[in-house]
Amino acid sequence: MDNHWLMKSEVLTLLRRLRKRLQAEFDITLRFSDADLEAQLARARERTVDTETREIIATLESRRGEPFTSGDEVPPRFYRGQPILQEATRHEDIYTLIYGDELPQHDGSRRAKGEPLQVYRGQPVLREKPALAARGPRRYRGHSISGGRGQ
């Protein structure tokens, strides 16, 4: 355990103030020589409701140069010496990840109730988005084509 950050007078002053506050709030006795001092500070940071106590702990973390860890945190994962990006866990199914906002157009069970349904030969079909329909007439080999057959 590297305690060189404790050897400064302003840090010791903050720790003395913090010791009194934690003694009053949680009945915790902080000893600067304890091996689990940083873990105690991390747990106190999570549990306290006092804003001044949180500010003191944040100041101590900035003086130390890194946040206090309680040992319960999951260590960062590395691959070939580089940290692996941790993505937020989303509870979405694969179809939501693939289609995103367009999923209701592809899945009838998720379709909005007021949305009109177009049917072709007994099967529901997707409607073109208004942005695609507003771009002008469709062209095939230089000729303008319309939506119907033989027109």
N, C-alpha and C. Protein backbone atom coordinates (compact mmCIF):
# COMPACT_ATOMS: atom_id res chain seq x y z
N MET A 1 0.84 -1.16 0.00
CA MET A 1 0.00 0.00 0.00
C MET A 1 0.89 1.24 0.00
N ASP A 2 0.63 2.14 -0.92
CA ASP A 2 1.44 3.34 -1.07
C ASP A 2 0.77 4.50 -0.33
N ASN A 3 1.36 4.93 0.77
CA ASN A 3 0.77 5.97 1.60
C ASN A 3 1.53 7.29 1.53
N HIS A 4 2.27 7.52 0.46
CA HIS A 4 3.03 8.77 0.39
C HIS A 4 2.12 9.99 0.30
N TRP A 5 0.90 9.82 -0.18
CA TRP A 5 -0.02 10.94 -0.27
C TRP A 5 -0.50 11.39 1.12
N LEU A 6 -0.34 10.54 2.12
CA LEU A 6 -0.74 10.88 3.49
C LEU A 6 0.26 11.80 4.19
N MET A 7 1.44 11.96 3.62
CA MET A 7 2.52 12.68 4.31
C MET A 7 2.51 14.18 4.08
N LYS A 8 1.38 14.75 3.71
CA LYS A 8 1.28 16.19 3.52
C LYS A 8 0.37 16.77 4.59
N SER A 9 0.70 17.95 5.06
CA SER A 9 -0.03 18.52 6.20
C SER A 9 -1.50 18.81 5.87
N GLU A 10 -1.79 19.31 4.65
CA GLU A 10 -3.18 19.61 4.31
C GLU A 10 -4.03 18.34 4.19
N VAL A 11 -3.41 17.23 3.76
CA VAL A 11 -4.11 15.95 3.69
C VAL A 11 -4.41 15.45 5.10
N LEU A 12 -3.45 15.58 5.99
CA LEU A 12 -3.67 15.15 7.37
C LEU A 12 -4.76 15.98 8.05
N THR A 13 -4.81 17.27 7.75
CA THR A 13 -5.86 18.12 8.30
C THR A 13 -7.23 17.66 7.81
N LEU A 14 -7.32 17.38 6.50
CA LEU A 14 -8.59 16.89 5.95
C LEU A 14 -8.98 15.54 6.56
N LEU A 15 -8.00 14.67 6.75
CA LEU A 15 -8.29 13.36 7.34
C LEU A 15 -8.75 13.48 8.78
N ARG A 16 -8.21 14.42 9.52
CA ARG A 16 -8.66 14.61 10.91
C ARG A 16 -10.11 15.09 10.94
N ARG A 17 -10.44 16.04 10.06
CA ARG A 17 -11.83 16.51 9.97
C ARG A 17 -12.75 15.36 9.56
N LEU A 18 -12.30 14.57 8.59
CA LEU A 18 -13.10 13.45 8.11
C LEU A 18 -13.28 12.39 9.19
N ARG A 19 -12.24 12.16 9.96
CA ARG A 19 -12.33 11.17 11.04
C ARG A 19 -13.43 11.55 12.02
N LYS A 20 -13.51 12.83 12.39
CA LYS A 20 -14.55 13.30 13.31
C LYS A 20 -15.94 13.15 12.71
N ARG A 21 -16.07 13.48 11.44
CA ARG A 21 -17.38 13.39 10.78
C ARG A 21 -17.85 11.94 10.67
N LEU A 22 -16.93 11.03 10.31
CA LEU A 22 -17.30 9.62 10.17
C LEU A 22 -17.58 8.99 11.53
N GLN A 23 -16.87 9.43 12.56
CA GLN A 23 -17.13 8.94 13.92
C GLN A 23 -18.54 9.33 14.35
N ALA A 24 -18.94 10.56 14.02
CA ALA A 24 -20.27 11.03 14.42
C ALA A 24 -21.37 10.37 13.59
N GLU A 25 -21.11 10.16 12.29
CA GLU A 25 -22.18 9.64 11.42
C GLU A 25 -22.31 8.11 11.48
N PHE A 26 -21.18 7.40 11.42
CA PHE A 26 -21.22 5.94 11.32
C PHE A 26 -20.62 5.21 12.52
N ASP A 27 -20.06 5.93 13.45
CA ASP A 27 -19.34 5.34 14.58
C ASP A 27 -18.16 4.49 14.08
N ILE A 28 -17.46 5.04 13.08
CA ILE A 28 -16.27 4.39 12.51
C ILE A 28 -15.04 5.10 13.06
N THR A 29 -14.07 4.33 13.53
CA THR A 29 -12.82 4.90 13.98
C THR A 29 -11.78 4.71 12.89
N LEU A 30 -11.39 5.82 12.27
CA LEU A 30 -10.36 5.77 11.22
C LEU A 30 -8.99 5.82 11.86
N ARG A 31 -8.15 4.91 11.46
CA ARG A 31 -6.73 4.95 11.87
C ARG A 31 -5.91 5.08 10.60
N PHE A 32 -5.03 6.05 10.60
CA PHE A 32 -4.24 6.31 9.40
C PHE A 32 -3.27 5.18 9.09
N SER A 33 -2.97 4.35 10.08
CA SER A 33 -2.03 3.26 9.86
C SER A 33 -2.72 1.97 9.41
N ASP A 34 -4.05 1.96 9.37
CA ASP A 34 -4.77 0.75 8.94
C ASP A 34 -4.47 0.43 7.49
N ALA A 35 -4.36 -0.85 7.21
CA ALA A 35 -4.10 -1.27 5.84
C ALA A 35 -5.31 -1.05 4.95
N ASP A 36 -6.50 -1.08 5.54
CA ASP A 36 -7.72 -0.91 4.75
C ASP A 36 -8.30 0.50 4.86
N LEU A 37 -7.45 1.50 5.08
CA LEU A 37 -7.91 2.88 5.20
C LEU A 37 -8.62 3.32 3.92
N GLU A 38 -8.04 3.00 2.77
CA GLU A 38 -8.63 3.42 1.49
C GLU A 38 -9.96 2.72 1.26
N ALA A 39 -10.07 1.45 1.65
CA ALA A 39 -11.33 0.73 1.51
C ALA A 39 -12.40 1.32 2.42
N GLN A 40 -12.00 1.72 3.63
CA GLN A 40 -12.95 2.35 4.54
C GLN A 40 -13.44 3.68 3.97
N LEU A 41 -12.54 4.45 3.38
CA LEU A 41 -12.93 5.73 2.78
C LEU A 41 -13.86 5.52 1.59
N ALA A 42 -13.60 4.48 0.79
CA ALA A 42 -14.47 4.20 -0.35
C ALA A 42 -15.86 3.79 0.11
N ARG A 43 -15.94 2.94 1.13
CA ARG A 43 -17.25 2.54 1.65
C ARG A 43 -17.98 3.72 2.28
N ALA A 44 -17.25 4.59 2.97
CA ALA A 44 -17.87 5.78 3.57
C ALA A 44 -18.39 6.72 2.50
N ARG A 45 -17.65 6.84 1.39
CA ARG A 45 -18.10 7.70 0.29
C ARG A 45 -19.42 7.19 -0.28
N GLU A 46 -19.59 5.88 -0.36
CA GLU A 46 -20.81 5.30 -0.91
C GLU A 46 -21.99 5.43 0.05
N ARG A 47 -21.73 5.33 1.35
CA ARG A 47 -22.83 5.28 2.32
C ARG A 47 -23.26 6.63 2.86
N THR A 48 -22.39 7.61 2.86
CA THR A 48 -22.70 8.87 3.53
C THR A 48 -23.76 9.68 2.78
N VAL A 49 -24.52 10.43 3.55
CA VAL A 49 -25.51 11.34 2.98
C VAL A 49 -25.09 12.79 3.17
N ASP A 50 -24.02 13.01 3.93
CA ASP A 50 -23.52 14.34 4.22
C ASP A 50 -22.70 14.85 3.04
N THR A 51 -23.07 16.02 2.52
CA THR A 51 -22.38 16.56 1.34
C THR A 51 -20.96 17.01 1.68
N GLU A 52 -20.76 17.54 2.87
CA GLU A 52 -19.41 17.98 3.22
C GLU A 52 -18.45 16.80 3.35
N THR A 53 -18.94 15.68 3.87
CA THR A 53 -18.11 14.47 3.95
C THR A 53 -17.73 14.00 2.55
N ARG A 54 -18.69 14.04 1.64
CA ARG A 54 -18.40 13.64 0.25
C ARG A 54 -17.38 14.58 -0.38
N GLU A 55 -17.50 15.87 -0.09
CA GLU A 55 -16.54 16.84 -0.64
C GLU A 55 -15.14 16.60 -0.09
N ILE A 56 -15.04 16.28 1.19
CA ILE A 56 -13.72 16.02 1.79
C ILE A 56 -13.11 14.78 1.15
N ILE A 57 -13.91 13.74 0.97
CA ILE A 57 -13.39 12.51 0.36
C ILE A 57 -12.98 12.77 -1.08
N ALA A 58 -13.77 13.57 -1.82
CA ALA A 58 -13.40 13.90 -3.20
C ALA A 58 -12.10 14.69 -3.25
N THR A 59 -11.89 15.60 -2.29
CA THR A 59 -10.64 16.36 -2.22
C THR A 59 -9.48 15.42 -1.93
N LEU A 60 -9.68 14.48 -1.02
CA LEU A 60 -8.62 13.51 -0.71
C LEU A 60 -8.29 12.65 -1.93
N GLU A 61 -9.32 12.26 -2.68
CA GLU A 61 -9.07 11.47 -3.90
C GLU A 61 -8.28 12.27 -4.92
N SER A 62 -8.59 13.56 -5.03
CA SER A 62 -7.84 14.38 -5.99
C SER A 62 -6.39 14.56 -5.54
N ARG A 63 -6.17 14.69 -4.23
CA ARG A 63 -4.80 14.80 -3.71
C ARG A 63 -4.03 13.49 -3.91
N ARG A 64 -4.75 12.39 -3.80
CA ARG A 64 -4.12 11.07 -3.98
C ARG A 64 -3.82 10.81 -5.45
N GLY A 65 -4.71 11.31 -6.33
CA GLY A 65 -4.49 11.12 -7.76
C GLY A 65 -5.34 10.02 -8.38
N GLU A 66 -6.06 9.27 -7.56
CA GLU A 66 -6.96 8.23 -8.07
C GLU A 66 -8.04 7.98 -7.03
N PRO A 67 -9.19 7.47 -7.46
CA PRO A 67 -10.27 7.25 -6.49
C PRO A 67 -9.97 6.09 -5.55
N PHE A 68 -10.59 6.14 -4.38
CA PHE A 68 -10.45 5.07 -3.41
C PHE A 68 -11.26 3.87 -3.87
N THR A 69 -10.71 2.68 -3.67
CA THR A 69 -11.42 1.46 -4.03
C THR A 69 -11.62 0.62 -2.78
N SER A 70 -12.78 -0.02 -2.73
CA SER A 70 -13.10 -0.84 -1.56
C SER A 70 -12.66 -2.28 -1.73
N GLY A 71 -12.25 -2.65 -2.92
CA GLY A 71 -11.84 -4.03 -3.18
C GLY A 71 -12.99 -4.86 -3.71
N ASP A 72 -14.22 -4.33 -3.65
CA ASP A 72 -15.39 -5.05 -4.16
C ASP A 72 -15.63 -4.77 -5.64
N GLU A 73 -14.96 -3.76 -6.18
CA GLU A 73 -15.15 -3.40 -7.58
C GLU A 73 -14.54 -4.45 -8.49
N VAL A 74 -15.11 -4.57 -9.68
CA VAL A 74 -14.57 -5.49 -10.67
C VAL A 74 -13.34 -4.84 -11.28
N PRO A 75 -12.21 -5.53 -11.29
CA PRO A 75 -11.01 -4.91 -11.86
C PRO A 75 -11.17 -4.72 -13.37
N PRO A 76 -10.51 -3.72 -13.93
CA PRO A 76 -10.62 -3.50 -15.38
C PRO A 76 -10.00 -4.66 -16.14
N ARG A 77 -10.62 -4.97 -17.28
CA ARG A 77 -10.13 -6.07 -18.10
C ARG A 77 -9.16 -5.53 -19.15
N PHE A 78 -8.12 -6.31 -19.43
CA PHE A 78 -7.12 -5.91 -20.39
C PHE A 78 -6.96 -6.99 -21.46
N TYR A 79 -6.64 -6.57 -22.66
CA TYR A 79 -6.30 -7.48 -23.74
C TYR A 79 -5.01 -6.97 -24.36
N ARG A 80 -3.97 -7.76 -24.27
CA ARG A 80 -2.64 -7.40 -24.77
C ARG A 80 -2.18 -6.05 -24.23
N GLY A 81 -2.43 -5.83 -22.97
CA GLY A 81 -1.97 -4.63 -22.30
C GLY A 81 -2.85 -3.41 -22.47
N GLN A 82 -3.92 -3.50 -23.26
CA GLN A 82 -4.81 -2.38 -23.49
C GLN A 82 -6.13 -2.63 -22.77
N PRO A 83 -6.70 -1.60 -22.12
CA PRO A 83 -7.98 -1.81 -21.43
C PRO A 83 -9.10 -2.06 -22.44
N ILE A 84 -9.99 -2.97 -22.08
CA ILE A 84 -11.13 -3.30 -22.93
C ILE A 84 -12.26 -2.34 -22.61
N LEU A 85 -12.90 -1.83 -23.65
CA LEU A 85 -14.00 -0.90 -23.46
C LEU A 85 -15.17 -1.64 -22.82
N GLN A 86 -15.68 -1.08 -21.74
CA GLN A 86 -16.82 -1.67 -21.06
C GLN A 86 -18.08 -0.95 -21.53
N GLU A 87 -18.94 -1.67 -22.21
CA GLU A 87 -20.18 -1.09 -22.68
C GLU A 87 -21.26 -1.27 -21.63
N ALA A 88 -22.17 -0.34 -21.60
CA ALA A 88 -23.29 -0.45 -20.67
C ALA A 88 -24.15 -1.63 -21.07
N THR A 89 -24.55 -2.41 -20.10
CA THR A 89 -25.37 -3.57 -20.40
C THR A 89 -26.78 -3.12 -20.69
N ARG A 90 -27.24 -3.46 -21.88
CA ARG A 90 -28.60 -3.14 -22.28
C ARG A 90 -29.36 -4.44 -22.40
N HIS A 91 -30.56 -4.43 -21.96
CA HIS A 91 -31.38 -5.62 -22.02
C HIS A 91 -32.28 -5.53 -23.24
N GLU A 92 -31.68 -5.50 -24.41
CA GLU A 92 -32.43 -5.44 -25.65
C GLU A 92 -32.23 -6.75 -26.40
N ASP A 93 -33.21 -7.11 -27.18
CA ASP A 93 -33.05 -8.30 -27.97
C ASP A 93 -32.26 -7.97 -29.24
N ILE A 94 -31.87 -8.98 -29.95
CA ILE A 94 -31.02 -8.81 -31.13
C ILE A 94 -31.71 -8.00 -32.22
N TYR A 95 -33.04 -8.13 -32.34
CA TYR A 95 -33.76 -7.42 -33.38
C TYR A 95 -33.77 -5.91 -33.13
N THR A 96 -33.86 -5.51 -31.88
CA THR A 96 -33.81 -4.09 -31.56
C THR A 96 -32.42 -3.53 -31.87
N LEU A 97 -31.39 -4.33 -31.62
CA LEU A 97 -30.04 -3.87 -31.92
C LEU A 97 -29.82 -3.73 -33.42
N ILE A 98 -30.40 -4.64 -34.21
CA ILE A 98 -30.20 -4.60 -35.67
C ILE A 98 -31.02 -3.50 -36.31
N TYR A 99 -32.33 -3.47 -36.02
CA TYR A 99 -33.23 -2.56 -36.72
C TYR A 99 -33.37 -1.20 -36.06
N GLY A 100 -33.11 -1.13 -34.77
CA GLY A 100 -33.19 0.15 -34.08
C GLY A 100 -34.59 0.73 -34.09
N ASP A 101 -34.74 1.98 -34.56
CA ASP A 101 -36.03 2.66 -34.56
C ASP A 101 -36.97 2.11 -35.62
N GLU A 102 -36.46 1.37 -36.60
CA GLU A 102 -37.30 0.85 -37.68
C GLU A 102 -37.94 -0.49 -37.34
N LEU A 103 -37.71 -1.00 -36.14
CA LEU A 103 -38.25 -2.31 -35.76
C LEU A 103 -39.76 -2.41 -35.91
N PRO A 104 -40.55 -1.41 -35.50
CA PRO A 104 -42.00 -1.55 -35.67
C PRO A 104 -42.42 -1.73 -37.13
N GLN A 105 -41.65 -1.25 -38.08
CA GLN A 105 -41.99 -1.44 -39.48
C GLN A 105 -41.78 -2.88 -39.92
N HIS A 106 -40.87 -3.58 -39.27
CA HIS A 106 -40.53 -4.94 -39.66
C HIS A 106 -41.25 -6.00 -38.84
N ASP A 107 -41.76 -5.61 -37.69
CA ASP A 107 -42.41 -6.57 -36.80
C ASP A 107 -43.83 -6.10 -36.54
N GLY A 108 -44.80 -6.88 -36.99
CA GLY A 108 -46.20 -6.50 -36.85
C GLY A 108 -46.67 -6.41 -35.42
N SER A 109 -46.07 -7.21 -34.52
CA SER A 109 -46.50 -7.19 -33.13
C SER A 109 -46.08 -5.90 -32.43
N ARG A 110 -45.09 -5.20 -32.96
CA ARG A 110 -44.62 -3.96 -32.35
C ARG A 110 -45.11 -2.73 -33.11
N ARG A 111 -45.95 -2.93 -34.08
CA ARG A 111 -46.45 -1.83 -34.91
C ARG A 111 -47.40 -0.96 -34.09
N ALA A 112 -47.36 0.31 -34.32
CA ALA A 112 -48.27 1.22 -33.65
C ALA A 112 -49.70 0.91 -34.08
N LYS A 113 -50.65 1.01 -33.18
CA LYS A 113 -52.02 0.60 -33.46
C LYS A 113 -52.70 1.51 -34.48
N GLY A 114 -52.39 2.77 -34.49
CA GLY A 114 -53.04 3.70 -35.41
C GLY A 114 -52.41 3.73 -36.79
N GLU A 115 -51.34 3.01 -36.99
CA GLU A 115 -50.61 3.05 -38.26
C GLU A 115 -51.35 2.20 -39.31
N PRO A 116 -51.69 2.77 -40.47
CA PRO A 116 -52.40 1.99 -41.50
C PRO A 116 -51.50 0.89 -42.06
N LEU A 117 -52.12 -0.21 -42.41
CA LEU A 117 -51.39 -1.37 -42.90
C LEU A 117 -51.69 -1.54 -44.38
N GLN A 118 -50.67 -1.73 -45.19
CA GLN A 118 -50.84 -1.95 -46.61
C GLN A 118 -50.68 -3.45 -46.87
N VAL A 119 -51.62 -4.02 -47.61
CA VAL A 119 -51.63 -5.46 -47.86
C VAL A 119 -51.49 -5.71 -49.35
N TYR A 120 -50.63 -6.64 -49.72
CA TYR A 120 -50.45 -7.05 -51.11
C TYR A 120 -50.55 -8.56 -51.17
N ARG A 121 -51.53 -9.07 -51.93
CA ARG A 121 -51.78 -10.50 -52.05
C ARG A 121 -51.91 -11.19 -50.69
N GLY A 122 -52.60 -10.54 -49.80
CA GLY A 122 -52.87 -11.12 -48.50
C GLY A 122 -51.75 -10.99 -47.48
N GLN A 123 -50.65 -10.40 -47.88
CA GLN A 123 -49.51 -10.25 -46.98
C GLN A 123 -49.27 -8.77 -46.69
N PRO A 124 -49.02 -8.42 -45.42
CA PRO A 124 -48.71 -7.01 -45.11
C PRO A 124 -47.34 -6.65 -45.71
N VAL A 125 -47.24 -5.44 -46.24
CA VAL A 125 -45.99 -4.98 -46.83
C VAL A 125 -45.55 -3.70 -46.13
N LEU A 126 -44.27 -3.42 -46.25
CA LEU A 126 -43.72 -2.20 -45.67
C LEU A 126 -44.08 -1.01 -46.53
N ARG A 127 -44.34 0.09 -45.86
CA ARG A 127 -44.61 1.33 -46.59
C ARG A 127 -43.32 2.10 -46.69
N GLU A 128 -43.17 2.83 -47.78
CA GLU A 128 -41.98 3.65 -47.93
C GLU A 128 -42.04 4.79 -46.94
N LYS A 129 -40.87 5.19 -46.49
CA LYS A 129 -40.79 6.35 -45.60
C LYS A 129 -41.14 7.59 -46.41
N PRO A 130 -41.74 8.58 -45.78
CA PRO A 130 -42.07 9.82 -46.49
C PRO A 130 -40.85 10.50 -47.09
N ALA A 131 -39.71 10.39 -46.47
CA ALA A 131 -38.51 11.04 -47.01
C ALA A 131 -38.11 10.41 -48.34
N LEU A 132 -38.29 9.10 -48.47
CA LEU A 132 -37.94 8.45 -49.73
C LEU A 132 -38.97 8.77 -50.81
N ALA A 133 -40.23 8.86 -50.45
CA ALA A 133 -41.27 9.14 -51.43
C ALA A 133 -41.22 10.60 -51.87
N ALA A 134 -40.71 11.49 -51.06
CA ALA A 134 -40.69 12.92 -51.37
C ALA A 134 -39.53 13.32 -52.27
N ARG A 135 -38.67 12.39 -52.63
CA ARG A 135 -37.50 12.79 -53.40
C ARG A 135 -37.78 12.90 -54.90
N GLY A 136 -39.00 12.65 -55.33
CA GLY A 136 -39.36 12.80 -56.73
C GLY A 136 -39.72 11.47 -57.37
N PRO A 137 -40.04 11.50 -58.66
CA PRO A 137 -40.45 10.26 -59.34
C PRO A 137 -39.29 9.29 -59.45
N ARG A 138 -39.61 8.01 -59.39
CA ARG A 138 -38.59 6.99 -59.52
C ARG A 138 -38.28 6.81 -61.00
N ARG A 139 -37.04 6.48 -61.30
CA ARG A 139 -36.62 6.36 -62.69
C ARG A 139 -36.04 4.98 -62.93
N TYR A 140 -36.32 4.47 -64.15
CA TYR A 140 -35.76 3.21 -64.59
C TYR A 140 -35.33 3.39 -66.03
N ARG A 141 -34.06 3.22 -66.32
CA ARG A 141 -33.48 3.39 -67.66
C ARG A 141 -33.88 4.72 -68.30
N GLY A 142 -33.85 5.77 -67.46
CA GLY A 142 -34.10 7.09 -67.97
C GLY A 142 -35.56 7.47 -68.04
N HIS A 143 -36.49 6.55 -67.79
CA HIS A 143 -37.93 6.83 -67.84
C HIS A 143 -38.50 6.93 -66.44
N SER A 144 -39.45 7.83 -66.29
CA SER A 144 -40.13 7.98 -65.01
C SER A 144 -41.13 6.85 -64.86
N ILE A 145 -41.13 6.21 -63.69
CA ILE A 145 -42.08 5.13 -63.44
C ILE A 145 -42.97 5.50 -62.28
N SER A 146 -44.17 4.98 -62.26
CA SER A 146 -45.10 5.26 -61.16
C SER A 146 -45.28 4.00 -60.35
N GLY A 147 -46.13 4.07 -59.32
CA GLY A 147 -46.31 2.96 -58.42
C GLY A 147 -47.08 1.80 -59.04
N GLY A 148 -47.96 2.03 -59.99
CA GLY A 148 -48.81 0.96 -60.49
C GLY A 148 -48.26 0.32 -61.77
N ARG A 149 -48.90 -0.75 -62.19
CA ARG A 149 -48.46 -1.49 -63.37
C ARG A 149 -49.21 -0.96 -64.59
N GLY A 150 -48.52 -0.74 -65.70
CA GLY A 150 -49.14 -0.35 -66.96
C GLY A 150 -49.58 1.10 -66.98
N GLN A 151 -49.08 1.92 -66.13
CA GLN A 151 -49.48 3.33 -66.13
C GLN A 151 -48.46 4.18 -66.83
